[in-house]
Amino acid sequence: MTTKVVPCVIMRGGTSKGIFFKKEDIPPEGSERDELIMKIFGSGDSSQIDGLGGAQTHTSKTMIVWKSDRPDVDLDYTFGQVGVAKHSIDWVGNCGNLTSAIAPFGLDEGLLKGKSPRTVVRIFNTNTKKRIDADVPVQSSVTQYEGDYRIDGVPNPGARINVKWFSPGGALTGKLLPTGNPVDSINIGTETIESSIVDAANPAVFVFAKAVGLTGKELPHDLSQASFMKLEAIRSKAAELMGFVEKAEEATKKSSHFPYIIILGEKQDYITSEGKTVQKSRYSILARVFSMQKMHQSYAVTAAICTGAAARIPNTIVNNVFEEKGDKVTIGHPKGVIDVSVDTIPSGESVGIKSVTVGRTARRLMSGTAYIISK
């Protein structure tokens, strides 16, 4: 038996948490790297008891970061969704919440130098081939985490980090509207469900809550197994329409987290998972996002970007319920609200998404060494 030591940092970004590695500290891309990361997390056990993972999908994520060789980019990074009960890593797509911690990690690890009071860090995500800028508060060349900005789903305030996603459309499919249609009918046996399939930051299929027997104000533990099965059937069929799989059944077997499925409810007051009341005047769209057959505890940032984009694309079902005229789209989710600012450009009879900006907080939780025992 031998013991390996691996430098790493645990970071919170938005409402997600993950383990960050500098690229030079781990093996190159391949099975050896993947096995090392899964052992560090304790992947393959529902409690991740023998590793550093948080035993939830939103706390079982990894980021690999390095100084970029690309012109006009400071940092490159690759995102991985590490399986909890399943011994796996999914390198498809990106995590928007955890992306807000990339620039702070790079600054604090000396991968680039910051300037007070704020530094704009230019980032490139290798999963989606998209450029992102993070405007970070800096003090003495490192990240200033203390502040009074609050985001729902995180108990403590912090300094605001503005994360701007450039041209997020077509992140995984190459098209903002993967099917070419603002509305598609999805057949799941005896039912046909009206949907909008949009790919911005990460792909999602949007459906009305009432079309699947829900209200849209449900909390993560409110849904029955029958509801999850129906949502998964819709998601899997959408994956087929998007070209991710040849047959819908393959999408379910793969248990991939893309596309998201997002349900839209009618505007109403609702109670959060923390027992607080959210008035319908606080938000513009009531939604719930599902990934890996679970409802997200709050709202994935990439799902918020996709929802914001869909709200501005003419004739999508999201656009049809979006009553406000400005660039700000505010989404009501299980723990409160999240807002994004969407900058559009004309594109024929429709629009293109120039950029989407979201405010987040991040925090460095731990830096040290992970110990791995191997044969």
Protein backbone atom coordinates (compact mmCIF):
# COMPACT_ATOMS: atom_id res chain seq x y z
CA MET A 1 0.00 0.00 0.00
CA THR A 2 1.24 3.50 -0.84
CA THR A 3 0.00 6.93 0.18
CA LYS A 4 -0.24 9.76 -2.34
CA VAL A 5 -0.51 13.39 -1.31
CA VAL A 6 -2.32 15.90 -3.53
CA PRO A 7 -2.52 19.68 -2.92
CA CYS A 8 -6.06 21.02 -3.21
CA VAL A 9 -8.42 23.76 -2.06
CA ILE A 10 -12.06 23.48 -1.06
CA MET A 11 -14.01 26.44 -2.41
CA ARG A 12 -17.61 27.57 -2.22
CA GLY A 13 -18.86 29.34 -5.31
CA GLY A 14 -22.44 30.60 -5.17
CA THR A 15 -24.60 27.76 -3.86
CA SER A 16 -22.16 25.01 -4.87
CA LYS A 17 -19.03 23.65 -3.23
CA GLY A 18 -16.13 21.75 -4.75
CA ILE A 19 -12.49 20.72 -4.64
CA PHE A 20 -10.11 22.76 -6.78
CA PHE A 21 -6.83 21.51 -8.21
CA LYS A 22 -4.05 23.24 -10.07
CA LYS A 23 -3.50 21.31 -13.29
CA GLU A 24 0.18 20.68 -12.55
CA ASP A 25 -0.64 18.97 -9.25
CA ILE A 26 -2.60 16.05 -10.73
CA PRO A 27 -2.03 13.55 -13.57
CA PRO A 28 -2.87 14.58 -17.14
CA GLU A 29 -6.31 13.93 -18.60
CA GLY A 30 -7.16 10.23 -18.52
CA SER A 31 -8.23 7.35 -16.30
CA GLU A 32 -5.45 7.83 -13.75
CA ARG A 33 -6.54 11.42 -13.15
CA ASP A 34 -10.21 10.46 -12.90
CA GLU A 35 -9.56 7.63 -10.44
CA LEU A 36 -7.44 9.91 -8.27
CA ILE A 37 -10.16 12.58 -8.10
CA MET A 38 -12.90 10.03 -7.38
CA LYS A 39 -10.85 8.59 -4.50
CA ILE A 40 -10.29 12.06 -3.05
CA PHE A 41 -14.06 12.64 -3.10
CA GLY A 42 -15.04 9.18 -1.86
CA SER A 43 -17.13 8.70 -5.00
CA GLY A 44 -19.14 5.48 -5.16
CA ASP A 45 -20.59 5.74 -1.65
CA SER A 46 -23.78 7.68 -0.90
CA SER A 47 -22.20 9.32 2.17
CA GLN A 48 -18.76 9.81 0.57
CA ILE A 49 -17.57 8.87 4.05
CA ASP A 50 -14.05 7.93 2.98
CA GLY A 51 -13.40 11.13 1.06
CA LEU A 52 -13.82 14.90 1.02
CA GLY A 53 -17.05 15.03 -1.00
CA GLY A 54 -20.18 16.60 0.47
CA ALA A 55 -22.57 13.71 -0.36
CA GLN A 56 -24.82 15.97 -2.48
CA THR A 57 -24.60 16.67 -6.21
CA HIS A 58 -24.09 20.41 -5.60
CA THR A 59 -21.22 19.70 -3.18
CA SER A 60 -19.55 16.95 -5.21
CA LYS A 61 -17.89 18.99 -7.94
CA THR A 62 -14.33 19.54 -9.07
CA MET A 63 -12.46 22.28 -10.93
CA ILE A 64 -9.06 21.93 -12.58
CA VAL A 65 -7.45 25.34 -13.15
CA TRP A 66 -4.31 26.57 -14.89
CA LYS A 67 -2.73 29.72 -16.30
CA SER A 68 -3.94 30.13 -19.86
CA ASP A 69 -1.82 30.26 -23.00
CA ARG A 70 -4.74 31.72 -24.95
CA PRO A 71 -4.55 35.35 -26.07
CA ASP A 72 -6.72 37.68 -23.95
CA VAL A 73 -7.45 34.93 -21.38
CA ASP A 74 -5.96 34.65 -17.88
CA LEU A 75 -7.21 31.27 -16.67
CA ASP A 76 -8.44 28.05 -18.27
CA TYR A 77 -10.52 25.59 -16.29
CA THR A 78 -12.28 22.25 -16.66
CA PHE A 79 -15.34 21.29 -14.62
CA GLY A 80 -16.21 17.77 -13.46
CA GLN A 81 -19.40 16.54 -11.79
CA VAL A 82 -18.22 13.79 -9.43
CA GLY A 83 -20.68 10.99 -8.75
CA VAL A 84 -21.84 10.49 -5.17
CA ALA A 85 -23.31 6.97 -4.93
CA LYS A 86 -22.15 6.22 -8.48
CA HIS A 87 -18.39 5.88 -9.01
CA SER A 88 -18.11 8.32 -11.89
CA ILE A 89 -17.10 11.74 -13.20
CA ASP A 90 -19.10 13.59 -15.85
CA TRP A 91 -16.95 16.09 -17.76
CA VAL A 92 -19.85 17.39 -19.87
CA GLY A 93 -21.13 20.94 -19.39
CA ASN A 94 -20.21 23.50 -16.77
CA CYS A 95 -21.16 24.61 -13.25
CA GLY A 96 -22.12 28.27 -13.14
CA ASN A 97 -22.14 28.68 -9.38
CA LEU A 98 -18.69 27.17 -8.92
CA THR A 99 -17.36 29.21 -11.86
CA SER A 100 -17.63 32.26 -9.59
CA ALA A 101 -14.80 30.77 -7.48
CA ILE A 102 -12.37 30.27 -10.39
CA ALA A 103 -10.98 33.81 -10.36
CA PRO A 104 -10.63 33.93 -6.54
CA PHE A 105 -8.79 30.59 -6.64
CA GLY A 106 -6.45 31.84 -9.36
CA LEU A 107 -5.71 35.06 -7.52
CA ASP A 108 -5.11 33.39 -4.16
CA GLU A 109 -2.95 30.63 -5.68
CA GLY A 110 -0.74 33.15 -7.48
CA LEU A 111 -1.75 32.11 -11.00
CA LEU A 112 -2.24 35.82 -11.74
CA LYS A 113 -1.83 39.12 -9.94
CA GLY A 114 -4.75 41.20 -8.77
CA LYS A 115 -5.01 44.96 -8.41
CA SER A 116 -7.07 46.78 -5.79
CA PRO A 117 -9.89 47.56 -5.54
CA ARG A 118 -11.23 45.22 -8.26
CA THR A 119 -9.71 43.01 -10.94
CA VAL A 120 -11.42 41.63 -14.03
CA VAL A 121 -10.21 38.06 -14.61
CA ARG A 122 -10.67 36.61 -18.09
CA ILE A 123 -11.62 32.93 -17.96
CA PHE A 124 -12.12 30.17 -20.51
CA ASN A 125 -14.19 27.06 -19.81
CA THR A 126 -12.85 24.06 -21.74
CA ASN A 127 -16.05 22.02 -21.35
CA THR A 128 -18.26 24.44 -23.27
CA LYS A 129 -15.54 26.44 -25.08
CA LYS A 130 -17.01 29.66 -23.67
CA ARG A 131 -15.38 32.86 -22.41
CA ILE A 132 -16.38 34.29 -19.03
CA ASP A 133 -15.22 37.41 -17.18
CA ALA A 134 -15.25 37.69 -13.38
CA ASP A 135 -15.07 41.11 -11.72
CA VAL A 136 -13.51 40.35 -8.33
CA PRO A 137 -12.88 42.60 -5.28
CA VAL A 138 -9.16 42.53 -4.43
CA GLN A 139 -7.12 43.62 -1.42
CA SER A 140 -3.32 43.23 -1.24
CA SER A 141 -3.32 41.22 -4.50
CA VAL A 142 -5.67 38.50 -3.18
CA THR A 143 -9.44 38.10 -3.12
CA GLN A 144 -11.44 40.15 -0.65
CA TYR A 145 -14.20 37.81 0.45
CA GLU A 146 -15.84 39.94 3.15
CA GLY A 147 -18.85 42.02 2.14
CA ASP A 148 -22.56 42.64 2.61
CA TYR A 149 -23.93 41.10 -0.60
CA ARG A 150 -26.34 38.22 0.02
CA ILE A 151 -27.51 35.45 -2.27
CA ASP A 152 -30.39 33.14 -1.41
CA GLY A 153 -29.17 29.67 -0.53
CA VAL A 154 -26.03 30.86 1.31
CA PRO A 155 -26.41 31.80 5.00
CA ASN A 156 -23.70 34.47 5.20
CA PRO A 157 -23.02 37.61 3.16
CA GLY A 158 -19.87 38.20 1.13
CA ALA A 159 -18.27 40.46 -1.44
CA ARG A 160 -20.12 40.57 -4.74
CA ILE A 161 -18.43 38.93 -7.73
CA ASN A 162 -19.96 39.85 -11.09
CA VAL A 163 -19.67 36.96 -13.52
CA LYS A 164 -20.30 37.76 -17.19
CA TRP A 165 -20.86 34.97 -19.70
CA PHE A 166 -20.17 35.95 -23.31
CA SER A 167 -22.19 34.42 -26.16
CA PRO A 168 -23.51 31.57 -23.99
CA GLY A 169 -25.75 30.21 -26.75
CA GLY A 170 -24.96 26.75 -28.13
CA ALA A 171 -22.74 25.66 -25.25
CA LEU A 172 -23.14 21.93 -25.97
CA THR A 173 -25.13 21.76 -29.21
CA GLY A 174 -23.75 24.73 -31.12
CA LYS A 175 -27.23 26.29 -31.37
CA LEU A 176 -29.22 28.57 -29.07
CA LEU A 177 -32.36 26.73 -30.21
CA PRO A 178 -31.07 23.17 -30.80
CA THR A 179 -34.15 22.05 -32.75
CA GLY A 180 -34.53 25.38 -34.56
CA ASN A 181 -37.93 25.88 -32.94
CA PRO A 182 -39.00 28.13 -30.05
CA VAL A 183 -41.62 25.51 -29.14
CA ASP A 184 -41.53 21.73 -29.56
CA SER A 185 -44.09 19.05 -28.78
CA ILE A 186 -42.63 16.14 -26.81
CA ASN A 187 -44.47 12.86 -27.01
CA ILE A 188 -44.13 10.55 -24.00
CA GLY A 189 -46.48 7.74 -24.86
CA THR A 190 -50.06 8.77 -24.22
CA GLU A 191 -49.23 12.44 -23.62
CA THR A 192 -47.80 15.28 -25.67
CA ILE A 193 -46.10 18.04 -23.69
CA GLU A 194 -45.44 21.54 -25.03
CA SER A 195 -41.84 22.56 -24.40
CA SER A 196 -39.05 24.95 -25.32
CA ILE A 197 -35.55 23.53 -25.77
CA VAL A 198 -32.79 26.12 -25.27
CA ASP A 199 -29.01 25.80 -25.02
CA ALA A 200 -27.37 28.75 -23.25
CA ALA A 201 -24.49 28.08 -20.80
CA ASN A 202 -25.98 24.59 -20.47
CA PRO A 203 -28.96 23.08 -22.33
CA ALA A 204 -32.43 22.84 -20.80
CA VAL A 205 -35.94 21.77 -21.72
CA PHE A 206 -38.70 23.99 -20.31
CA VAL A 207 -42.23 22.77 -19.59
CA PHE A 208 -45.21 24.19 -17.74
CA ALA A 209 -45.65 22.77 -14.25
CA LYS A 210 -49.38 22.27 -14.75
CA ALA A 211 -48.66 20.13 -17.82
CA VAL A 212 -46.96 17.58 -15.57
CA GLY A 213 -49.41 17.82 -12.66
CA LEU A 214 -47.39 20.27 -10.56
CA THR A 215 -47.77 23.86 -9.34
CA GLY A 216 -44.20 25.09 -9.71
CA LYS A 217 -43.85 25.99 -6.03
CA GLU A 218 -42.83 22.48 -4.92
CA LEU A 219 -39.76 22.00 -2.75
CA PRO A 220 -37.05 19.36 -3.31
CA HIS A 221 -38.69 16.68 -1.16
CA ASP A 222 -42.29 17.27 -2.31
CA LEU A 223 -42.29 15.25 -5.51
CA SER A 224 -43.44 11.67 -5.87
CA GLN A 225 -41.52 9.00 -7.73
CA ALA A 226 -44.19 9.12 -10.42
CA SER A 227 -43.51 12.83 -10.98
CA PHE A 228 -39.77 12.22 -11.28
CA MET A 229 -40.40 9.42 -13.78
CA LYS A 230 -42.56 11.69 -15.95
CA LEU A 231 -40.00 14.51 -15.84
CA GLU A 232 -37.22 12.08 -16.71
CA ALA A 233 -39.24 10.76 -19.67
CA ILE A 234 -39.59 14.33 -20.99
CA ARG A 235 -35.92 15.11 -20.38
CA SER A 236 -34.78 11.94 -22.10
CA LYS A 237 -36.96 12.62 -25.14
CA ALA A 238 -35.54 16.14 -25.31
CA ALA A 239 -32.02 14.66 -25.20
CA GLU A 240 -32.96 12.61 -28.27
CA LEU A 241 -34.33 15.68 -30.08
CA MET A 242 -31.10 17.54 -29.27
CA GLY A 243 -28.96 14.77 -30.70
CA PHE A 244 -27.29 13.78 -27.43
CA VAL A 245 -28.53 10.19 -27.84
CA GLU A 246 -30.11 8.16 -30.64
CA LYS A 247 -32.94 6.92 -28.45
CA ALA A 248 -34.52 8.51 -25.37
CA GLU A 249 -33.95 5.38 -23.30
CA GLU A 250 -30.19 5.84 -23.61
CA ALA A 251 -30.37 9.24 -21.89
CA THR A 252 -32.10 7.74 -18.86
CA LYS A 253 -29.57 4.90 -18.62
CA LYS A 254 -26.65 7.33 -18.76
CA SER A 255 -28.10 9.38 -15.87
CA SER A 256 -26.46 12.48 -17.35
CA HIS A 257 -27.36 15.85 -15.86
CA PHE A 258 -27.94 17.45 -19.28
CA PRO A 259 -30.23 18.66 -20.50
CA TYR A 260 -31.73 20.15 -17.38
CA ILE A 261 -35.49 19.96 -17.17
CA ILE A 262 -37.07 23.15 -15.84
CA ILE A 263 -40.71 23.53 -14.85
CA LEU A 264 -42.46 26.89 -14.95
CA GLY A 265 -45.23 27.72 -12.49
CA GLU A 266 -47.80 30.51 -12.42
CA LYS A 267 -46.67 33.51 -10.38
CA GLN A 268 -47.76 33.15 -6.77
CA ASP A 269 -46.53 33.65 -3.23
CA TYR A 270 -44.69 30.57 -1.97
CA ILE A 271 -42.78 29.21 1.01
CA THR A 272 -39.06 28.44 0.66
CA SER A 273 -37.38 25.32 1.99
CA GLU A 274 -36.20 27.50 4.90
CA GLY A 275 -39.76 28.54 5.77
CA LYS A 276 -39.63 32.09 4.39
CA THR A 277 -42.35 33.61 2.24
CA VAL A 278 -41.42 34.87 -1.22
CA GLN A 279 -43.95 37.37 -2.53
CA LYS A 280 -44.77 37.06 -6.23
CA SER A 281 -43.77 40.71 -6.64
CA ARG A 282 -40.13 39.73 -5.91
CA TYR A 283 -39.62 37.69 -9.06
CA SER A 284 -40.62 37.53 -12.72
CA ILE A 285 -40.52 33.75 -13.34
CA LEU A 286 -41.35 30.91 -10.94
CA ALA A 287 -39.23 27.87 -11.80
CA ARG A 288 -37.71 24.66 -10.52
CA VAL A 289 -34.69 22.99 -12.10
CA PHE A 290 -34.07 19.23 -12.14
CA SER A 291 -30.75 17.51 -12.67
CA MET A 292 -29.82 13.83 -12.31
CA GLN A 293 -33.43 13.03 -11.31
CA LYS A 294 -33.35 15.44 -8.38
CA MET A 295 -34.68 18.93 -7.86
CA HIS A 296 -31.89 21.45 -7.38
CA GLN A 297 -31.80 22.75 -3.80
CA SER A 298 -31.79 26.35 -5.10
CA TYR A 299 -31.11 27.14 -8.79
CA ALA A 300 -28.09 26.32 -10.92
CA VAL A 301 -26.46 29.46 -12.34
CA THR A 302 -26.19 27.90 -15.81
CA ALA A 303 -29.91 27.08 -15.56
CA ALA A 304 -30.56 30.72 -14.57
CA ILE A 305 -28.55 31.90 -17.59
CA CYS A 306 -30.52 29.54 -19.83
CA THR A 307 -33.82 30.67 -18.27
CA GLY A 308 -32.87 34.33 -18.70
CA ALA A 309 -31.95 33.71 -22.33
CA ALA A 310 -35.18 31.79 -22.98
CA ALA A 311 -37.17 34.65 -21.46
CA ARG A 312 -35.77 37.00 -24.10
CA ILE A 313 -36.17 34.70 -27.14
CA PRO A 314 -39.47 35.47 -28.90
CA ASN A 315 -42.22 32.85 -28.73
CA THR A 316 -40.60 30.41 -26.30
CA ILE A 317 -42.94 29.33 -23.52
CA VAL A 318 -40.63 31.17 -21.10
CA ASN A 319 -40.88 34.36 -23.14
CA ASN A 320 -44.66 34.02 -23.16
CA VAL A 321 -44.82 34.15 -19.35
CA PHE A 322 -42.13 36.84 -18.97
CA GLU A 323 -44.07 40.08 -18.52
CA GLU A 324 -41.22 42.51 -17.84
CA LYS A 325 -39.49 44.60 -20.52
CA GLY A 326 -36.00 45.23 -19.12
CA ASP A 327 -32.86 43.13 -19.36
CA LYS A 328 -33.20 41.80 -15.79
CA VAL A 329 -34.82 38.40 -15.28
CA THR A 330 -35.54 37.34 -11.69
CA ILE A 331 -36.31 33.68 -10.96
CA GLY A 332 -38.11 32.36 -7.88
CA HIS A 333 -36.56 29.09 -6.68
CA PRO A 334 -36.78 26.79 -3.61
CA LYS A 335 -34.52 28.99 -1.45
CA GLY A 336 -35.46 32.45 -2.72
CA VAL A 337 -34.60 34.33 -5.89
CA ILE A 338 -31.75 34.73 -8.37
CA ASP A 339 -31.52 37.42 -11.02
CA VAL A 340 -29.57 37.67 -14.26
CA SER A 341 -29.04 40.54 -16.68
CA VAL A 342 -29.41 39.54 -20.31
CA ASP A 343 -27.87 41.56 -23.16
CA THR A 344 -29.39 40.64 -26.53
CA ILE A 345 -28.58 41.46 -30.15
CA PRO A 346 -30.88 41.23 -33.19
CA SER A 347 -30.60 37.96 -35.12
CA GLY A 348 -32.96 37.77 -38.07
CA GLU A 349 -36.52 37.56 -36.77
CA SER A 350 -35.28 36.47 -33.36
CA VAL A 351 -32.48 37.55 -31.02
CA GLY A 352 -29.00 36.39 -30.11
CA ILE A 353 -27.65 36.40 -26.58
CA LYS A 354 -24.62 38.71 -26.40
CA SER A 355 -23.93 38.16 -22.71
CA VAL A 356 -25.54 37.26 -19.39
CA THR A 357 -24.30 38.63 -16.06
CA VAL A 358 -25.01 37.23 -12.59
CA GLY A 359 -23.87 38.34 -9.13
CA ARG A 360 -22.41 35.69 -6.82
CA THR A 361 -20.29 35.34 -3.70
CA ALA A 362 -17.48 32.86 -3.12
CA ARG A 363 -15.27 31.77 -0.26
CA ARG A 364 -12.03 29.86 0.25
CA LEU A 365 -12.92 27.23 2.83
CA MET A 366 -9.78 25.11 3.16
CA SER A 367 -6.40 24.69 1.56
CA GLY A 368 -4.16 21.72 2.24
CA THR A 369 -3.33 18.18 1.18
CA ALA A 370 -5.55 15.24 0.33
CA TYR A 371 -4.21 11.79 1.23
CA ILE A 372 -4.94 8.85 -1.07
CA ILE A 373 -4.18 5.22 -0.20
CA SER A 374 -3.65 3.01 -3.22
CA LYS A 375 -2.38 -0.52 -3.85
